């Protein structure tokens, strides 16, 4: 098995291969010296966005514990104190990404060979629901994810509808790699042929977590963040 550093490097090279990425913060505002280095370096900007996405996913999975937030603050303080150039920042980002990858492995469980999860959405006050005689609060839509795993490769679909069928999702093909217990997948989340959207998916005893970590600003209805935990419908095969 790859050690944590090599695994993290492979994982993010896979997940974020190709495409343009921006730093997770606004590069047009007043910046610190380190932030300027990040904004001026496309590779560092990509690392910053990757780290922000994986940290947010770790918060989802673990319930945003104080210890995780403190560890992130400690990392930021160490980075500020130690790094002045791109080489140092790159090493610091990669190490933190590796730490969070190991953290996620400890908080999640194995996929198995297949996963099917779904979540119901209640009907809204939208006119489309009223015209279809669906009462506010009744089931008004559902999104499901079906994934199969073979030799660590993931393939499947995400599909469903929201607002009583007004917003249709897919089916949208999802594909990627299982690294540890976390799926790193790509999908087309908008209405273009290839918008380069990427997401993380992992299961715990509570349910299955989904978070989009990179998406171009296109119109689409795939949820940015979702916990699939319906006890009646969601089940692992």
Protein backbone atom coordinates (compact mmCIF):
# COMPACT_ATOMS: atom_id res chain seq x y z
CA UNK A 1 0.00 0.00 0.00
CA UNK A 2 1.18 3.51 -0.71
CA UNK A 3 2.30 5.47 2.31
CA UNK A 4 0.15 8.46 3.24
CA UNK A 5 2.32 11.06 1.52
CA UNK A 6 2.54 9.19 -1.79
CA UNK A 7 -1.14 8.28 -1.61
CA UNK A 8 -2.17 11.89 -1.11
CA UNK A 9 0.02 13.05 -3.98
CA UNK A 10 -1.43 10.38 -6.27
CA UNK A 11 -4.96 11.04 -5.08
CA UNK A 12 -4.92 14.73 -5.86
CA UNK A 13 -3.03 14.36 -9.11
CA UNK A 14 -5.85 12.03 -10.14
CA UNK A 15 -8.72 14.12 -8.86
CA UNK A 16 -7.54 17.47 -10.12
CA UNK A 17 -5.73 16.49 -13.29
CA UNK A 18 -6.37 19.07 -15.98
CA UNK A 19 -8.56 22.14 -15.81
CA UNK A 20 -7.96 25.53 -14.24
CA UNK A 21 -8.20 26.09 -10.52
CA UNK A 22 -8.19 29.19 -8.37
CA UNK A 23 -7.12 29.71 -4.80
CA UNK A 24 -9.83 29.21 -2.20
CA UNK A 25 -9.64 32.90 -1.24
CA UNK A 26 -10.19 36.11 -3.22
CA UNK A 27 -6.93 37.05 -4.94
CA UNK A 28 -8.23 40.54 -5.75
CA UNK A 29 -8.27 41.66 -2.11
CA UNK A 30 -5.42 42.85 0.12
CA UNK A 31 -3.17 39.83 0.53
CA UNK A 32 -0.41 38.68 2.82
CA UNK A 33 2.98 37.90 1.29
CA UNK A 34 2.20 34.18 1.34
CA UNK A 35 -1.21 34.66 -0.25
CA UNK A 36 0.40 36.64 -3.06
CA UNK A 37 2.79 33.76 -3.71
CA UNK A 38 -0.17 31.36 -3.85
CA UNK A 39 -2.18 33.58 -6.20
CA UNK A 40 0.80 34.06 -8.53
CA UNK A 41 1.50 30.32 -8.81
CA UNK A 42 -1.13 28.17 -10.58
CA UNK A 43 0.13 24.97 -8.95
CA UNK A 44 -0.11 26.48 -5.46
CA UNK A 45 -3.53 27.92 -6.25
CA UNK A 46 -4.68 24.43 -7.19
CA UNK A 47 -3.22 22.98 -3.99
CA UNK A 48 -4.97 25.65 -1.93
CA UNK A 49 -8.33 24.84 -3.54
CA UNK A 50 -7.77 21.12 -3.09
CA UNK A 51 -6.93 21.53 0.56
CA UNK A 52 -9.99 23.73 1.15
CA UNK A 53 -12.24 21.09 -0.42
CA UNK A 54 -10.82 18.17 1.51
CA UNK A 55 -10.85 20.10 4.79
CA UNK A 56 -14.51 20.97 4.24
CA UNK A 57 -15.27 17.30 3.50
CA UNK A 58 -13.46 16.22 6.67
CA UNK A 59 -15.63 18.67 8.63
CA UNK A 60 -18.75 17.16 7.04
CA UNK A 61 -17.73 13.61 7.88
CA UNK A 62 -16.52 14.28 11.42
CA UNK A 63 -19.16 16.85 12.40
CA UNK A 64 -16.72 19.78 12.47
CA UNK A 65 -15.09 18.89 15.80
CA UNK A 66 -13.10 21.53 17.68
CA UNK A 67 -9.98 19.36 17.44
CA UNK A 68 -10.10 19.38 13.62
CA UNK A 69 -10.61 23.14 13.48
CA UNK A 70 -7.75 23.68 15.93
CA UNK A 71 -5.46 21.41 13.91
CA UNK A 72 -6.22 23.48 10.81
CA UNK A 73 -5.50 26.74 12.67
CA UNK A 74 -2.24 25.24 13.93
CA UNK A 75 -1.26 24.31 10.40
CA UNK A 76 -1.98 27.84 9.17
CA UNK A 77 0.14 29.29 11.97
CA UNK A 78 3.05 26.94 11.20
CA UNK A 79 2.83 27.75 7.51
CA UNK A 80 2.89 31.49 8.20
CA UNK A 81 5.87 31.14 10.51
CA UNK A 82 7.92 28.78 8.35
CA UNK A 83 7.22 29.52 4.69
CA UNK A 84 8.31 32.42 2.53
CA UNK A 85 8.63 30.84 -0.90
CA UNK A 86 6.69 28.56 -3.24
CA UNK A 87 8.80 25.47 -2.51
CA UNK A 88 8.11 25.62 1.21
CA UNK A 89 4.42 26.35 0.67
CA UNK A 90 4.06 23.42 -1.72
CA UNK A 91 5.58 21.02 0.82
CA UNK A 92 3.37 22.43 3.59
CA UNK A 93 0.18 22.07 1.56
CA UNK A 94 1.02 18.53 0.48
CA UNK A 95 1.77 17.46 4.04
CA UNK A 96 -1.53 18.88 5.31
CA UNK A 97 -3.45 17.20 2.50
CA UNK A 98 -1.79 13.91 3.46
CA UNK A 99 -2.77 14.41 7.12
CA UNK A 100 -6.39 15.07 6.20
CA UNK A 101 -6.43 12.03 3.90
CA UNK A 102 -5.31 9.83 6.79
CA UNK A 103 -7.87 11.52 9.07
CA UNK A 104 -10.68 10.72 6.64
CA UNK A 105 -9.63 7.09 6.44
CA UNK A 106 -10.01 6.86 10.21
CA UNK A 107 -13.52 8.36 10.14
CA UNK A 108 -15.01 6.43 7.22
CA UNK A 109 -15.66 2.81 6.33
CA UNK A 110 -15.01 0.60 3.35
CA UNK A 111 -17.27 0.94 0.32
CA UNK A 112 -17.71 -2.72 -0.48
CA UNK A 113 -18.36 -3.66 -4.09
CA UNK A 114 -21.37 -1.38 -4.61
CA UNK A 115 -23.24 1.48 -3.04
CA UNK A 116 -26.81 2.68 -3.48
CA UNK A 117 -28.04 5.63 -1.45
CA UNK A 118 -30.94 8.02 -1.88
CA UNK A 119 -32.44 11.00 -0.12
CA UNK A 120 -35.95 12.41 -0.39
CA UNK A 121 -36.63 16.13 -0.72
CA UNK A 122 -39.89 17.59 0.60
CA UNK A 123 -42.18 19.48 -1.73
CA UNK A 124 -41.65 23.22 -1.75
CA UNK A 125 -44.13 26.07 -2.20
CA UNK A 126 -43.11 26.31 -5.86
CA UNK A 127 -45.93 26.58 -8.36
CA UNK A 128 -44.77 23.41 -10.08
CA UNK A 129 -45.58 21.42 -6.93
CA UNK A 130 -48.97 23.07 -6.56
CA UNK A 131 -49.87 22.41 -10.18
CA UNK A 132 -49.04 18.75 -9.62
CA UNK A 133 -51.20 18.69 -6.48
CA UNK A 134 -48.29 17.92 -4.17
CA UNK A 135 -48.80 19.37 -0.70
CA UNK A 136 -46.07 21.37 0.99
CA UNK A 137 -43.93 19.00 3.05
CA UNK A 138 -44.91 15.84 1.16
CA UNK A 139 -42.23 14.02 -0.85
CA UNK A 140 -41.40 16.26 -3.77
CA UNK A 141 -38.25 14.70 -5.16
CA UNK A 142 -35.39 12.32 -4.66
CA UNK A 143 -31.72 12.14 -5.55
CA UNK A 144 -29.88 8.83 -5.65
CA UNK A 145 -26.31 7.72 -6.18
CA UNK A 146 -25.47 4.28 -7.55
CA UNK A 147 -21.81 3.32 -7.59
CA UNK A 148 -19.93 0.13 -8.33
CA UNK A 149 -16.32 -0.52 -7.31
CA UNK A 150 -14.00 -2.84 -9.21
CA UNK A 151 -10.28 -2.96 -8.53
CA UNK A 152 -10.49 0.44 -6.80
CA UNK A 153 -12.14 2.06 -9.83
CA UNK A 154 -15.55 3.69 -9.25
CA UNK A 155 -18.29 4.08 -11.84
CA UNK A 156 -21.97 4.84 -11.63
CA UNK A 157 -24.58 7.58 -11.79
CA UNK A 158 -26.24 10.34 -9.81
CA UNK A 159 -29.81 11.17 -10.74
CA UNK A 160 -33.13 12.42 -9.47
CA UNK A 161 -35.47 15.38 -9.39
CA UNK A 162 -36.28 18.33 -7.14
CA UNK A 163 -39.33 20.59 -6.79
CA UNK A 164 -41.80 17.95 -7.93
CA UNK A 165 -39.99 17.29 -11.18
CA UNK A 166 -39.21 20.91 -12.13
CA UNK A 167 -35.46 20.30 -11.79
CA UNK A 168 -34.24 17.06 -13.31
CA UNK A 169 -30.82 15.64 -12.51
CA UNK A 170 -29.29 13.19 -14.91
CA UNK A 171 -28.70 10.42 -14.93
CA UNK A 172 -25.16 11.81 -14.82
CA UNK A 173 -22.18 9.50 -15.17
CA UNK A 174 -19.77 9.48 -12.23
CA UNK A 175 -16.32 7.89 -12.40
CA UNK A 176 -13.09 7.95 -10.47
CA UNK A 177 -10.88 6.16 -7.99
CA UNK A 178 -11.27 4.78 -4.49
CA UNK A 179 -8.33 5.84 -2.32
CA UNK A 180 -8.56 4.37 1.15
CA UNK A 181 -12.24 4.67 2.07
CA UNK A 182 -12.89 7.84 0.05
CA UNK A 183 -14.15 8.02 -3.51
CA UNK A 184 -12.66 10.78 -5.67
CA UNK A 185 -14.89 11.18 -8.69
CA UNK A 186 -15.47 13.34 -11.73
CA UNK A 187 -18.83 14.19 -13.26
CA UNK A 188 -20.48 16.63 -15.63
CA UNK A 189 -22.59 18.73 -13.30
CA UNK A 190 -23.92 21.29 -15.76
CA UNK A 191 -25.38 21.49 -19.21
CA UNK A 192 -22.11 21.36 -21.15
CA UNK A 193 -20.31 18.33 -22.53
CA UNK A 194 -17.48 18.50 -20.01
CA UNK A 195 -17.43 21.00 -17.16
CA UNK A 196 -14.78 19.17 -15.11
CA UNK A 197 -16.73 18.91 -11.86
CA UNK A 198 -15.18 16.82 -9.09
CA UNK A 199 -16.53 15.47 -5.81
CA UNK A 200 -15.68 13.36 -2.78
CA UNK A 201 -17.93 10.58 -1.48
CA UNK A 202 -17.52 8.42 1.63
CA UNK A 203 -19.65 6.43 4.06
CA UNK A 204 -19.80 6.36 7.84
CA UNK A 205 -22.16 4.73 10.31
CA UNK A 206 -24.44 7.73 9.93
CA UNK A 207 -24.79 7.76 6.16
CA UNK A 208 -23.01 8.58 2.93
CA UNK A 209 -21.46 12.01 2.44
CA UNK A 210 -21.15 13.78 -0.90
CA UNK A 211 -19.35 17.09 -1.45
CA UNK A 212 -18.44 18.86 -4.66
CA UNK A 213 -14.90 20.22 -4.34
CA UNK A 214 -14.45 21.72 -7.81
CA UNK A 215 -17.13 22.94 -10.15
CA UNK A 216 -17.16 25.49 -12.94
CA UNK A 217 -19.85 28.18 -12.69
CA UNK A 218 -22.41 26.47 -14.90
CA UNK A 219 -26.10 25.90 -14.39
CA UNK A 220 -26.83 22.52 -12.86
CA UNK A 221 -28.76 20.87 -10.07
CA UNK A 222 -26.31 18.34 -8.64
CA UNK A 223 -26.12 19.15 -4.90
CA UNK A 224 -22.90 20.74 -3.69
CA UNK A 225 -23.18 18.99 -0.35
CA UNK A 226 -25.47 16.19 0.77
CA UNK A 227 -25.77 13.54 3.47
CA UNK A 228 -27.64 10.52 2.15
CA UNK A 229 -29.10 8.92 5.27
CA UNK A 230 -32.72 8.01 4.60
CA UNK A 231 -33.19 4.83 6.71
CA UNK A 232 -36.09 3.71 4.50
CA UNK A 233 -34.38 4.06 1.14
CA UNK A 234 -30.64 4.27 1.64
CA UNK A 235 -28.84 0.98 1.95
CA UNK A 236 -25.50 -0.44 1.05
CA UNK A 237 -25.41 -3.55 -1.07
